[in-house]
C-alpha cells in the first residue's frame, strides 16, 4: 500500500484498538469471590482466605475505576464467602464439642 510520502492514516484497517489496561483486578475479585463461596461450604479456611483476598482486589479495582459490575459482584461474593466460612467454623466447633461431650 503506497502512502505517497505521507504517514498512514491513524485508522488504518487491521490496526488494533487502544486498550486502557484491562480489568484484571475486577476479574480476580470476581473469581476469588466465586471460588471462596464454593470452597467455604466444604473447607472454611479456603473460603475465608479467598474471600479476604477477593475483597482486597475488589476495593483496589473499585478505586482504579474498573468494570463496576464485576467489581461489585466480586465484593459481594467475597463477603458471602467470609460469612459462610465463619458459619462453617462455628458449625465445626459445635460438632467437635458435641462429639467430645458424648465420650
PDB file of N, CA and C in Angstrom:
ATOM      1  N   UNK A   1       0.853  -1.168   0.000  1.00  0.00           N
ATOM      2  CA  UNK A   1       0.000   0.000   0.000  1.00  0.00           C
ATOM      3  C   UNK A   1       0.903   1.236   0.000  1.00  0.00           C
ATOM      4  N   UNK A   2       0.759   2.087  -0.973  1.00  0.00           N
ATOM      5  CA  UNK A   2       1.592   3.259  -1.123  1.00  0.00           C
ATOM      6  C   UNK A   2       0.973   4.429  -0.370  1.00  0.00           C
ATOM      7  N   UNK A   3       1.825   5.166   0.353  1.00  0.00           N
ATOM      8  CA  UNK A   3       1.334   6.336   1.083  1.00  0.00           C
ATOM      9  C   UNK A   3       1.761   7.629   0.413  1.00  0.00           C
ATOM     10  N   UNK A   4       2.480   7.546  -0.702  1.00  0.00           N
ATOM     11  CA  UNK A   4       2.913   8.716  -1.469  1.00  0.00           C
ATOM     12  C   UNK A   4       3.687   9.711  -0.619  1.00  0.00           C
ATOM     13  N   UNK A   5       4.484   9.215   0.316  1.00  0.00           N
ATOM     14  CA  UNK A   5       5.309  10.100   1.117  1.00  0.00           C
ATOM     15  C   UNK A   5       4.636  10.617   2.374  1.00  0.00           C
ATOM     16  N   UNK A   6       3.368  10.313   2.565  1.00  0.00           N
ATOM     17  CA  UNK A   6       2.648  10.758   3.752  1.00  0.00           C
ATOM     18  C   UNK A   6       2.548   9.606   4.762  1.00  0.00           C
ATOM     19  N   UNK A   7       2.463   9.909   6.047  1.00  0.00           N
ATOM     20  CA  UNK A   7       2.291   8.831   7.038  1.00  0.00           C
ATOM     21  C   UNK A   7       0.913   8.188   6.874  1.00  0.00           C
ATOM     22  N   UNK A   8       0.777   6.924   7.246  1.00  0.00           N
ATOM     23  CA  UNK A   8      -0.522   6.261   7.104  1.00  0.00           C
ATOM     24  C   UNK A   8      -1.575   6.902   8.004  1.00  0.00           C
ATOM     25  N   UNK A   9      -2.805   6.773   7.584  1.00  0.00           N
ATOM     26  CA  UNK A   9      -3.915   7.325   8.365  1.00  0.00           C
ATOM     27  C   UNK A   9      -3.997   6.611   9.717  1.00  0.00           C
ATOM     28  N   UNK A  10      -4.447   7.305  10.759  1.00  0.00           N
ATOM     29  CA  UNK A  10      -4.485   6.687  12.092  1.00  0.00           C
ATOM     30  C   UNK A  10      -5.460   5.516  12.196  1.00  0.00           C
ATOM     31  N   UNK A  11      -6.478   5.457  11.380  1.00  0.00           N
ATOM     32  CA  UNK A  11      -7.460   4.382  11.443  1.00  0.00           C
ATOM     33  C   UNK A  11      -7.294   3.405  10.294  1.00  0.00           C
ATOM     34  N   UNK A  12      -6.085   2.952  10.096  1.00  0.00           N
ATOM     35  CA  UNK A  12      -5.852   2.004   9.024  1.00  0.00           C
ATOM     36  C   UNK A  12      -6.511   0.675   9.360  1.00  0.00           C
ATOM     37  N   UNK A  13      -7.069   0.009   8.351  1.00  0.00           N
ATOM     38  CA  UNK A  13      -7.703  -1.290   8.608  1.00  0.00           C
ATOM     39  C   UNK A  13      -6.699  -2.286   9.156  1.00  0.00           C
ATOM     40  N   UNK A  14      -7.122  -3.061  10.127  1.00  0.00           N
ATOM     41  CA  UNK A  14      -6.263  -4.068  10.721  1.00  0.00           C
ATOM     42  C   UNK A  14      -5.483  -3.580  11.921  1.00  0.00           C
ATOM     43  N   UNK A  15      -5.573  -2.310  12.246  1.00  0.00           N
ATOM     44  CA  UNK A  15      -4.869  -1.802  13.414  1.00  0.00           C
ATOM     45  C   UNK A  15      -5.619  -2.207  14.677  1.00  0.00           C
ATOM     46  N   UNK A  16      -4.883  -2.583  15.703  1.00  0.00           N
ATOM     47  CA  UNK A  16      -5.505  -2.994  16.963  1.00  0.00           C
ATOM     48  C   UNK A  16      -6.016  -1.767  17.706  1.00  0.00           C
ATOM     49  N   UNK A  17      -7.199  -1.845  18.265  1.00  0.00           N
ATOM     50  CA  UNK A  17      -7.716  -0.706  19.030  1.00  0.00           C
ATOM     51  C   UNK A  17      -6.920  -0.511  20.316  1.00  0.00           C
ATOM     52  N   UNK A  18      -6.854   0.715  20.759  1.00  0.00           N
ATOM     53  CA  UNK A  18      -6.149   1.014  22.006  1.00  0.00           C
ATOM     54  C   UNK A  18      -6.967   0.513  23.191  1.00  0.00           C
ATOM     55  N   UNK A  19      -6.273  -0.028  24.185  1.00  0.00           N
ATOM     56  CA  UNK A  19      -6.956  -0.504  25.390  1.00  0.00           C
ATOM     57  C   UNK A  19      -6.481   0.307  26.574  1.00  0.00           C
ATOM     58  N   UNK A  20      -7.249   0.241  27.650  1.00  0.00           N
ATOM     59  CA  UNK A  20      -6.909   1.002  28.845  1.00  0.00           C
ATOM     60  C   UNK A  20      -6.297   0.131  29.938  1.00  0.00           C
ATOM     61  N   UNK A  21      -5.803  -1.061  29.627  1.00  0.00           N
ATOM     62  CA  UNK A  21      -5.113  -1.868  30.616  1.00  0.00           C
ATOM     63  C   UNK A  21      -5.891  -3.079  31.073  1.00  0.00           C
ATOM     64  N   UNK A  22      -7.165  -3.159  30.819  1.00  0.00           N
ATOM     65  CA  UNK A  22      -7.948  -4.338  31.183  1.00  0.00           C
ATOM     66  C   UNK A  22      -8.557  -4.255  32.565  1.00  0.00           C
ATOM     67  N   UNK A  23      -9.226  -5.320  32.916  1.00  0.00           N
ATOM     68  CA  UNK A  23      -9.934  -5.391  34.190  1.00  0.00           C
ATOM     69  C   UNK A  23      -9.418  -6.551  35.035  1.00  0.00           C
ATOM     70  N   UNK A  24      -8.125  -6.705  35.115  1.00  0.00           N
ATOM     71  CA  UNK A  24      -7.538  -7.835  35.821  1.00  0.00           C
ATOM     72  C   UNK A  24      -7.927  -7.921  37.282  1.00  0.00           C
ATOM     73  N   UNK A  25      -7.921  -6.809  37.985  1.00  0.00           N
ATOM     74  CA  UNK A  25      -8.276  -6.825  39.401  1.00  0.00           C
ATOM     75  C   UNK A  25      -9.751  -7.153  39.597  1.00  0.00           C
ATOM     76  N   UNK A  26     -10.600  -6.628  38.738  1.00  0.00           N
ATOM     77  CA  UNK A  26     -12.031  -6.904  38.841  1.00  0.00           C
ATOM     78  C   UNK A  26     -12.318  -8.375  38.575  1.00  0.00           C
ATOM     79  N   UNK A  27     -11.669  -8.938  37.556  1.00  0.00           N
ATOM     80  CA  UNK A  27     -11.853 -10.353  37.246  1.00  0.00           C
ATOM     81  C   UNK A  27     -11.317 -11.216  38.382  1.00  0.00           C
ATOM     82  N   UNK A  28     -10.166 -10.853  38.919  1.00  0.00           N
ATOM     83  CA  UNK A  28      -9.594 -11.582  40.048  1.00  0.00           C
ATOM     84  C   UNK A  28     -10.503 -11.570  41.255  1.00  0.00           C
ATOM     85  N   UNK A  29     -11.095 -10.430  41.539  1.00  0.00           N
ATOM     86  CA  UNK A  29     -12.024 -10.319  42.659  1.00  0.00           C
ATOM     87  C   UNK A  29     -13.247 -11.194  42.449  1.00  0.00           C
ATOM     88  N   UNK A  30     -13.786 -11.179  41.245  1.00  0.00           N
ATOM     89  CA  UNK A  30     -14.967 -11.986  40.944  1.00  0.00           C
ATOM     90  C   UNK A  30     -14.658 -13.478  41.029  1.00  0.00           C
ATOM     91  N   UNK A  31     -13.537 -13.900  40.472  1.00  0.00           N
ATOM     92  CA  UNK A  31     -13.160 -15.315  40.507  1.00  0.00           C
ATOM     93  C   UNK A  31     -12.912 -15.776  41.941  1.00  0.00           C
ATOM     94  N   UNK A  32     -12.200 -14.984  42.718  1.00  0.00           N
ATOM     95  CA  UNK A  32     -11.947 -15.371  44.106  1.00  0.00           C
ATOM     96  C   UNK A  32     -13.222 -15.360  44.937  1.00  0.00           C
ATOM     97  N   UNK A  33     -14.155 -14.472  44.616  1.00  0.00           N
ATOM     98  CA  UNK A  33     -15.439 -14.491  45.309  1.00  0.00           C
ATOM     99  C   UNK A  33     -16.217 -15.762  45.023  1.00  0.00           C
ATOM    100  N   UNK A  34     -16.215 -16.190  43.767  1.00  0.00           N
ATOM    101  CA  UNK A  34     -16.921 -17.424  43.399  1.00  0.00           C
ATOM    102  C   UNK A  34     -16.235 -18.635  44.029  1.00  0.00           C
ATOM    103  N   UNK A  35     -14.927 -18.721  43.878  1.00  0.00           N
ATOM    104  CA  UNK A  35     -14.184 -19.858  44.439  1.00  0.00           C
ATOM    105  C   UNK A  35     -14.301 -19.873  45.961  1.00  0.00           C
ATOM    106  N   UNK A  36     -14.201 -18.711  46.584  1.00  0.00           N
ATOM    107  CA  UNK A  36     -14.312 -18.638  48.042  1.00  0.00           C
ATOM    108  C   UNK A  36     -15.682 -19.055  48.545  1.00  0.00           C
ATOM    109  N   UNK A  37     -16.729 -18.676  47.822  1.00  0.00           N
ATOM    110  CA  UNK A  37     -18.081 -19.046  48.233  1.00  0.00           C
ATOM    111  C   UNK A  37     -18.284 -20.551  48.142  1.00  0.00           C
ATOM    112  N   UNK A  38     -17.850 -21.154  47.063  1.00  0.00           N
ATOM    113  CA  UNK A  38     -18.000 -22.601  46.905  1.00  0.00           C
ATOM    114  C   UNK A  38     -17.106 -23.335  47.900  1.00  0.00           C
ATOM    115  N   UNK A  39     -15.874 -22.882  48.062  1.00  0.00           N
ATOM    116  CA  UNK A  39     -14.938 -23.555  48.962  1.00  0.00           C
ATOM    117  C   UNK A  39     -15.364 -23.425  50.423  1.00  0.00           C
ATOM    118  N   UNK A  40     -16.014 -22.322  50.782  1.00  0.00           N
ATOM    119  CA  UNK A  40     -16.432 -22.125  52.173  1.00  0.00           C
ATOM    120  C   UNK A  40     -17.455 -23.163  52.606  1.00  0.00           C
ATOM    121  N   UNK A  41     -18.167 -23.747  51.654  1.00  0.00           N
ATOM    122  CA  UNK A  41     -19.145 -24.776  52.005  1.00  0.00           C
ATOM    123  C   UNK A  41     -18.469 -26.063  52.441  1.00  0.00           C
ATOM    124  N   UNK A  42     -17.261 -26.330  51.948  1.00  0.00           N
ATOM    125  CA  UNK A  42     -16.578 -27.587  52.222  1.00  0.00           C
ATOM    126  C   UNK A  42     -15.336 -27.427  53.090  1.00  0.00           C
ATOM    127  N   UNK A  43     -14.546 -26.391  52.823  1.00  0.00           N
ATOM    128  CA  UNK A  43     -13.312 -26.135  53.578  1.00  0.00           C
ATOM    129  C   UNK A  43     -13.325 -24.645  53.970  1.00  0.00           C
ATOM    130  N   UNK A  44     -13.811 -24.343  55.169  1.00  0.00           N
ATOM    131  CA  UNK A  44     -13.994 -22.930  55.540  1.00  0.00           C
ATOM    132  C   UNK A  44     -12.738 -22.066  55.479  1.00  0.00           C
ATOM    133  N   UNK A  45     -11.571 -22.618  55.779  1.00  0.00           N
ATOM    134  CA  UNK A  45     -10.358 -21.793  55.769  1.00  0.00           C
ATOM    135  C   UNK A  45     -10.029 -21.313  54.355  1.00  0.00           C
ATOM    136  N   UNK A  46     -10.275 -22.153  53.356  1.00  0.00           N
ATOM    137  CA  UNK A  46     -10.034 -21.747  51.962  1.00  0.00           C
ATOM    138  C   UNK A  46     -11.023 -20.655  51.569  1.00  0.00           C
ATOM    139  N   UNK A  47     -12.273 -20.798  51.993  1.00  0.00           N
ATOM    140  CA  UNK A  47     -13.273 -19.773  51.708  1.00  0.00           C
ATOM    141  C   UNK A  47     -12.947 -18.447  52.372  1.00  0.00           C
ATOM    142  N   UNK A  48     -12.431 -18.515  53.591  1.00  0.00           N
ATOM    143  CA  UNK A  48     -12.068 -17.291  54.311  1.00  0.00           C
ATOM    144  C   UNK A  48     -10.915 -16.566  53.625  1.00  0.00           C
ATOM    145  N   UNK A  49      -9.890 -17.316  53.254  1.00  0.00           N
ATOM    146  CA  UNK A  49      -8.734 -16.703  52.585  1.00  0.00           C
ATOM    147  C   UNK A  49      -9.138 -16.148  51.220  1.00  0.00           C
ATOM    148  N   UNK A  50      -9.895 -16.933  50.450  1.00  0.00           N
ATOM    149  CA  UNK A  50     -10.358 -16.452  49.144  1.00  0.00           C
ATOM    150  C   UNK A  50     -11.233 -15.214  49.267  1.00  0.00           C
ATOM    151  N   UNK A  51     -12.086 -15.183  50.288  1.00  0.00           N
ATOM    152  CA  UNK A  51     -12.951 -14.026  50.492  1.00  0.00           C
ATOM    153  C   UNK A  51     -12.175 -12.765  50.852  1.00  0.00           C
ATOM    154  N   UNK A  52     -11.184 -12.921  51.709  1.00  0.00           N
ATOM    155  CA  UNK A  52     -10.391 -11.755  52.119  1.00  0.00           C
ATOM    156  C   UNK A  52      -9.601 -11.190  50.932  1.00  0.00           C
ATOM    157  N   UNK A  53      -8.946 -12.071  50.197  1.00  0.00           N
ATOM    158  CA  UNK A  53      -8.167 -11.609  49.038  1.00  0.00           C
ATOM    159  C   UNK A  53      -9.097 -11.017  47.978  1.00  0.00           C
ATOM    160  N   UNK A  54     -10.283 -11.619  47.802  1.00  0.00           N
ATOM    161  CA  UNK A  54     -11.254 -11.097  46.844  1.00  0.00           C
ATOM    162  C   UNK A  54     -11.734  -9.699  47.206  1.00  0.00           C
ATOM    163  N   UNK A  55     -11.952  -9.457  48.493  1.00  0.00           N
ATOM    164  CA  UNK A  55     -12.377  -8.114  48.924  1.00  0.00           C
ATOM    165  C   UNK A  55     -11.270  -7.092  48.668  1.00  0.00           C
ATOM    166  N   UNK A  56     -10.043  -7.466  48.992  1.00  0.00           N
ATOM    167  CA  UNK A  56      -8.925  -6.542  48.766  1.00  0.00           C
ATOM    168  C   UNK A  56      -8.805  -6.195  47.282  1.00  0.00           C
ATOM    169  N   UNK A  57      -8.849  -7.221  46.424  1.00  0.00           N
ATOM    170  CA  UNK A  57      -8.770  -6.954  44.985  1.00  0.00           C
ATOM    171  C   UNK A  57      -9.964  -6.136  44.501  1.00  0.00           C
ATOM    172  N   UNK A  58     -11.142  -6.402  45.063  1.00  0.00           N
ATOM    173  CA  UNK A  58     -12.328  -5.663  44.666  1.00  0.00           C
ATOM    174  C   UNK A  58     -12.222  -4.186  44.990  1.00  0.00           C
ATOM    175  N   UNK A  59     -11.730  -3.873  46.175  1.00  0.00           N
ATOM    176  CA  UNK A  59     -11.617  -2.461  46.536  1.00  0.00           C
ATOM    177  C   UNK A  59     -10.493  -1.769  45.762  1.00  0.00           C
ATOM    178  N   UNK A  60      -9.427  -2.509  45.453  1.00  0.00           N
ATOM    179  CA  UNK A  60      -8.383  -1.917  44.600  1.00  0.00           C
ATOM    180  C   UNK A  60      -8.927  -1.629  43.199  1.00  0.00           C
ATOM    181  N   UNK A  61      -9.696  -2.567  42.650  1.00  0.00           N
ATOM    182  CA  UNK A  61     -10.280  -2.370  41.320  1.00  0.00           C
ATOM    183  C   UNK A  61     -11.287  -1.237  41.332  1.00  0.00           C
ATOM    184  N   UNK A  62     -12.034  -1.136  42.412  1.00  0.00           N
ATOM    185  CA  UNK A  62     -13.029  -0.052  42.516  1.00  0.00           C
ATOM    186  C   UNK A  62     -12.350   1.308  42.557  1.00  0.00           C
ATOM    187  N   UNK A  63     -11.245   1.369  43.272  1.00  0.00           N
ATOM    188  CA  UNK A  63     -10.510   2.642  43.360  1.00  0.00           C
ATOM    189  C   UNK A  63      -9.939   3.041  42.008  1.00  0.00           C
ATOM    190  N   UNK A  64      -9.542   2.050  41.195  1.00  0.00           N
ATOM    191  CA  UNK A  64      -8.993   2.341  39.866  1.00  0.00           C
ATOM    192  C   UNK A  64     -10.077   2.563  38.821  1.00  0.00           C
ATOM    193  N   UNK A  65     -11.334   2.386  39.179  1.00  0.00           N
ATOM    194  CA  UNK A  65     -12.431   2.660  38.262  1.00  0.00           C
ATOM    195  C   UNK A  65     -12.634   1.597  37.210  1.00  0.00           C
ATOM    196  N   UNK A  66     -12.354   0.343  37.537  1.00  0.00           N
ATOM    197  CA  UNK A  66     -12.535  -0.727  36.564  1.00  0.00           C
ATOM    198  C   UNK A  66     -14.007  -1.119  36.490  1.00  0.00           C
ATOM    199  N   UNK A  67     -14.323  -2.140  35.718  1.00  0.00           N
ATOM    200  CA  UNK A  67     -15.709  -2.547  35.420  1.00  0.00           C
ATOM    201  C   UNK A  67     -16.527  -2.661  36.702  1.00  0.00           C
ATOM    202  N   UNK A  68     -17.496  -1.779  36.850  1.00  0.00           N
ATOM    203  CA  UNK A  68     -18.224  -1.674  38.109  1.00  0.00           C
ATOM    204  C   UNK A  68     -19.036  -2.915  38.447  1.00  0.00           C
ATOM    205  N   UNK A  69     -19.623  -3.544  37.442  1.00  0.00           N
ATOM    206  CA  UNK A  69     -20.439  -4.724  37.709  1.00  0.00           C
ATOM    207  C   UNK A  69     -19.619  -5.883  38.238  1.00  0.00           C
ATOM    208  N   UNK A  70     -18.479  -6.131  37.602  1.00  0.00           N
ATOM    209  CA  UNK A  70     -17.607  -7.215  38.066  1.00  0.00           C
ATOM    210  C   UNK A  70     -17.047  -6.912  39.441  1.00  0.00           C
ATOM    211  N   UNK A  71     -16.688  -5.679  39.684  1.00  0.00           N
ATOM    212  CA  UNK A  71     -16.133  -5.303  40.988  1.00  0.00           C
ATOM    213  C   UNK A  71     -17.179  -5.504  42.076  1.00  0.00           C
ATOM    214  N   UNK A  72     -18.387  -5.030  41.836  1.00  0.00           N
ATOM    215  CA  UNK A  72     -19.443  -5.165  42.834  1.00  0.00           C
ATOM    216  C   UNK A  72     -19.786  -6.634  43.070  1.00  0.00           C
ATOM    217  N   UNK A  73     -19.863  -7.417  42.000  1.00  0.00           N
ATOM    218  CA  UNK A  73     -20.118  -8.848  42.147  1.00  0.00           C
ATOM    219  C   UNK A  73     -19.018  -9.538  42.926  1.00  0.00           C
ATOM    220  N   UNK A  74     -17.777  -9.184  42.659  1.00  0.00           N
ATOM    221  CA  UNK A  74     -16.649  -9.766  43.385  1.00  0.00           C
ATOM    222  C   UNK A  74     -16.664  -9.423  44.855  1.00  0.00           C
ATOM    223  N   UNK A  75     -16.973  -8.178  45.177  1.00  0.00           N
ATOM    224  CA  UNK A  75     -17.025  -7.755  46.582  1.00  0.00           C
ATOM    225  C   UNK A  75     -18.151  -8.478  47.309  1.00  0.00           C
ATOM    226  N   UNK A  76     -19.331  -8.541  46.693  1.00  0.00           N
ATOM    227  CA  UNK A  76     -20.479  -9.193  47.341  1.00  0.00           C
ATOM    228  C   UNK A  76     -20.203 -10.685  47.541  1.00  0.00           C
ATOM    229  N   UNK A  77     -19.694 -11.364  46.514  1.00  0.00           N
ATOM    230  CA  UNK A  77     -19.405 -12.795  46.662  1.00  0.00           C
ATOM    231  C   UNK A  77     -18.295 -13.048  47.671  1.00  0.00           C
ATOM    232  N   UNK A  78     -17.341 -12.148  47.770  1.00  0.00           N
ATOM    233  CA  UNK A  78     -16.278 -12.309  48.764  1.00  0.00           C
ATOM    234  C   UNK A  78     -16.821 -12.155  50.178  1.00  0.00           C
ATOM    235  N   UNK A  79     -17.745 -11.232  50.370  1.00  0.00           N
ATOM    236  CA  UNK A  79     -18.378 -11.077  51.684  1.00  0.00           C
ATOM    237  C   UNK A  79     -19.189 -12.319  52.029  1.00  0.00           C
ATOM    238  N   UNK A  80     -19.913 -12.847  51.041  1.00  0.00           N
ATOM    239  CA  UNK A  80     -20.680 -14.083  51.257  1.00  0.00           C
ATOM    240  C   UNK A  80     -19.737 -15.231  51.618  1.00  0.00           C
ATOM    241  N   UNK A  81     -18.580 -15.314  50.962  1.00  0.00           N
ATOM    242  CA  UNK A  81     -17.607 -16.363  51.264  1.00  0.00           C
ATOM    243  C   UNK A  81     -17.106 -16.261  52.700  1.00  0.00           C
ATOM    244  N   UNK A  82     -16.851 -15.040  53.154  1.00  0.00           N
ATOM    245  CA  UNK A  82     -16.369 -14.852  54.525  1.00  0.00           C
ATOM    246  C   UNK A  82     -17.451 -15.244  55.525  1.00  0.00           C
ATOM    247  N   UNK A  83     -18.683 -14.850  55.265  1.00  0.00           N
ATOM    248  CA  UNK A  83     -19.784 -15.197  56.176  1.00  0.00           C
ATOM    249  C   UNK A  83     -19.980 -16.710  56.216  1.00  0.00           C
ATOM    250  N   UNK A  84     -19.968 -17.366  55.056  1.00  0.00           N
ATOM    251  CA  UNK A  84     -20.118 -18.822  55.020  1.00  0.00           C
ATOM    252  C   UNK A  84     -18.960 -19.518  55.736  1.00  0.00           C
ATOM    253  N   UNK A  85     -17.759 -18.986  55.607  1.00  0.00           N
ATOM    254  CA  UNK A  85     -16.610 -19.577  56.293  1.00  0.00           C
ATOM    255  C   UNK A  85     -16.753 -19.454  57.804  1.00  0.00           C
ATOM    256  N   UNK A  86     -17.226 -18.305  58.283  1.00  0.00           N
ATOM    257  CA  UNK A  86     -17.434 -18.121  59.719  1.00  0.00           C
ATOM    258  C   UNK A  86     -18.508 -19.078  60.227  1.00  0.00           C
ATOM    259  N   UNK A  87     -19.597 -19.220  59.464  1.00  0.00           N
ATOM    260  CA  UNK A  87     -20.649 -20.174  59.839  1.00  0.00           C
ATOM    261  C   UNK A  87     -20.086 -21.592  59.846  1.00  0.00           C
ATOM    262  N   UNK A  88     -19.239 -21.924  58.892  1.00  0.00           N
ATOM    263  CA  UNK A  88     -18.608 -23.243  58.843  1.00  0.00           C
ATOM    264  C   UNK A  88     -17.721 -23.495  60.048  1.00  0.00           C
ATOM    265  N   UNK A  89     -16.964 -22.483  60.469  1.00  0.00           N
ATOM    266  CA  UNK A  89     -16.131 -22.627  61.662  1.00  0.00           C
ATOM    267  C   UNK A  89     -16.989 -22.838  62.909  1.00  0.00           C
ATOM    268  N   UNK A  90     -18.081 -22.101  63.017  1.00  0.00           N
ATOM    269  CA  UNK A  90     -18.967 -22.247  64.173  1.00  0.00           C
ATOM    270  C   UNK A  90     -19.592 -23.631  64.196  1.00  0.00           C
ATOM    271  N   UNK A  91     -20.082 -24.100  63.047  1.00  0.00           N
ATOM    272  CA  UNK A  91     -20.673 -25.432  62.989  1.00  0.00           C
ATOM    273  C   UNK A  91     -19.645 -26.513  63.318  1.00  0.00           C
ATOM    274  N   UNK A  92     -18.433 -26.358  62.851  1.00  0.00           N
ATOM    275  CA  UNK A  92     -17.382 -27.334  63.166  1.00  0.00           C
ATOM    276  C   UNK A  92     -17.073 -27.344  64.658  1.00  0.00           C
ATOM    277  N   UNK A  93     -17.023 -26.162  65.275  1.00  0.00           N
ATOM    278  CA  UNK A  93     -16.755 -26.081  66.708  1.00  0.00           C
ATOM    279  C   UNK A  93     -17.881 -26.724  67.511  1.00  0.00           C
ATOM    280  N   UNK A  94     -19.124 -26.498  67.117  1.00  0.00           N
ATOM    281  CA  UNK A  94     -20.262 -27.108  67.815  1.00  0.00           C
ATOM    282  C   UNK A  94     -20.218 -28.624  67.648  1.00  0.00           C
ATOM    283  N   UNK A  95     -19.933 -29.084  66.462  1.00  0.00           N
ATOM    284  CA  UNK A  95     -19.861 -30.529  66.206  1.00  0.00           C
ATOM    285  C   UNK A  95     -18.750 -31.176  67.024  1.00  0.00           C
ATOM    286  N   UNK A  96     -17.594 -30.563  67.063  1.00  0.00           N
ATOM    287  CA  UNK A  96     -16.490 -31.119  67.836  1.00  0.00           C
ATOM    288  C   UNK A  96     -16.826 -31.127  69.320  1.00  0.00           C
ATOM    289  N   UNK A  97     -17.445 -30.070  69.826  1.00  0.00           N
ATOM    290  CA  UNK A  97     -17.790 -30.042  71.257  1.00  0.00           C
ATOM    291  C   UNK A  97     -18.844 -31.097  71.588  1.00  0.00           C
ATOM    292  N   UNK A  98     -19.776 -31.360  70.690  1.00  0.00           N
ATOM    293  CA  UNK A  98     -20.779 -32.406  70.917  1.00  0.00           C
ATOM    294  C   UNK A  98     -20.140 -33.783  70.930  1.00  0.00           C
ATOM    295  N   UNK A  99     -19.208 -34.009  70.027  1.00  0.00           N
ATOM    296  CA  UNK A  99     -18.544 -35.311  69.971  1.00  0.00           C
ATOM    297  C   UNK A  99     -17.694 -35.529  71.220  1.00  0.00           C
ATOM    298  N   UNK A 100     -16.980 -34.492  71.640  1.00  0.00           N
ATOM    299  CA  UNK A 100     -16.147 -34.615  72.839  1.00  0.00           C
ATOM    300  C   UNK A 100     -16.993 -34.751  74.097  1.00  0.00           C
ATOM    301  N   UNK A 101     -18.149 -34.147  74.107  1.00  0.00           N
ATOM    302  CA  UNK A 101     -19.025 -34.199  75.282  1.00  0.00           C
ATOM    303  C   UNK A 101     -19.657 -35.584  75.421  1.00  0.00           C
ATOM    304  N   UNK A 102     -19.892 -36.273  74.336  1.00  0.00           N
ATOM    305  CA  UNK A 102     -20.536 -37.586  74.359  1.00  0.00           C
ATOM    306  C   UNK A 102     -19.557 -38.714  74.644  1.00  0.00           C
ATOM    307  N   UNK A 103     -18.280 -38.453  74.760  1.00  0.00           N
ATOM    308  CA  UNK A 103     -17.318 -39.519  75.009  1.00  0.00           C
ATOM    309  C   UNK A 103     -17.193 -39.825  76.459  1.00  0.00           C
TER     310      UNK A 103
END
